[in-house]
Amino acid sequence: MSRKIVSMQIRVTDDLRERAKAVAKQKGLTLSELVVQLLASTGDKQLKELAKKELKERPKPGRPWDK
């Protein structure tokens, strides 16, 4: 079963985006993975379950044959 992936945009300053990218890199995550983890930490049970499912099913970045 294929998943439909959609885009979600947020408006932030360059400084905030660059810091978020640095933090994600320190944690070994992509910026998208960091944002999804933060969404999971809101306290909403359904959002947390959906975010965990997304992170579990998300393909890792890079070429598939390098894994």
Protein backbone atom coordinates (compact mmCIF):
# COMPACT_ATOMS: atom_id res chain seq x y z
CA MET A 1 0.00 0.00 0.00
CA SER A 2 1.50 3.34 -1.01
CA ARG A 3 1.34 6.40 1.17
CA LYS A 4 0.38 9.82 -0.08
CA ILE A 5 2.99 12.35 0.99
CA VAL A 6 2.04 16.03 1.14
CA SER A 7 4.00 19.20 1.88
CA MET A 8 3.58 21.39 4.92
CA GLN A 9 5.17 24.82 5.06
CA ILE A 10 5.87 27.07 8.01
CA ARG A 11 7.09 30.64 7.94
CA VAL A 12 10.17 31.32 10.07
CA THR A 13 13.23 33.54 9.98
CA ASP A 14 16.47 32.36 8.39
CA ASP A 15 18.13 32.29 11.81
CA LEU A 16 15.49 29.95 13.22
CA ARG A 17 15.64 27.64 10.22
CA GLU A 18 19.43 27.44 10.30
CA ARG A 19 19.45 26.71 14.04
CA ALA A 20 16.77 24.03 13.62
CA LYS A 21 18.83 22.42 10.84
CA ALA A 22 21.91 22.44 13.09
CA VAL A 23 20.01 20.84 15.97
CA ALA A 24 18.54 18.20 13.66
CA LYS A 25 22.00 17.39 12.32
CA GLN A 26 23.41 17.07 15.85
CA LYS A 27 20.67 14.54 16.62
CA GLY A 28 21.24 12.64 13.37
CA LEU A 29 17.86 13.64 11.97
CA THR A 30 16.56 15.48 8.98
CA LEU A 31 14.76 18.74 9.61
CA SER A 32 11.46 17.07 8.71
CA GLU A 33 12.07 14.26 11.20
CA LEU A 34 12.83 16.81 13.93
CA VAL A 35 9.59 18.67 13.21
CA VAL A 36 7.55 15.44 13.27
CA GLN A 37 9.15 14.50 16.61
CA LEU A 38 8.22 17.90 18.00
CA LEU A 39 4.64 17.47 16.78
CA ALA A 40 4.53 14.16 18.64
CA SER A 41 5.51 15.92 21.87
CA THR A 42 2.42 18.17 21.99
CA GLY A 43 0.48 15.89 24.31
CA ASP A 44 -2.27 14.97 21.86
CA LYS A 45 -2.55 11.17 21.84
CA GLN A 46 -3.74 10.81 18.23
CA LEU A 47 -1.12 13.24 16.91
CA LYS A 48 1.58 11.35 18.82
CA GLU A 49 0.49 8.02 17.33
CA LEU A 50 0.37 9.45 13.80
CA ALA A 51 3.80 11.05 14.19
CA LYS A 52 5.34 7.80 15.49
CA LYS A 53 3.81 5.90 12.58
CA GLU A 54 5.17 8.48 10.12
CA LEU A 55 8.68 8.24 11.58
CA LYS A 56 8.58 4.45 11.50
CA GLU A 57 7.43 4.26 7.87
CA ARG A 58 9.53 7.17 6.57
CA PRO A 59 12.31 6.08 4.22
CA LYS A 60 15.75 7.21 5.30
CA PRO A 61 17.41 9.89 3.16
CA GLY A 62 20.03 8.92 0.62
CA ARG A 63 20.33 6.20 -1.94
CA PRO A 64 18.57 2.95 -1.07
CA TRP A 65 21.47 0.78 -2.22
CA ASP A 66 23.85 2.48 0.24
CA LYS A 67 21.95 1.08 3.22
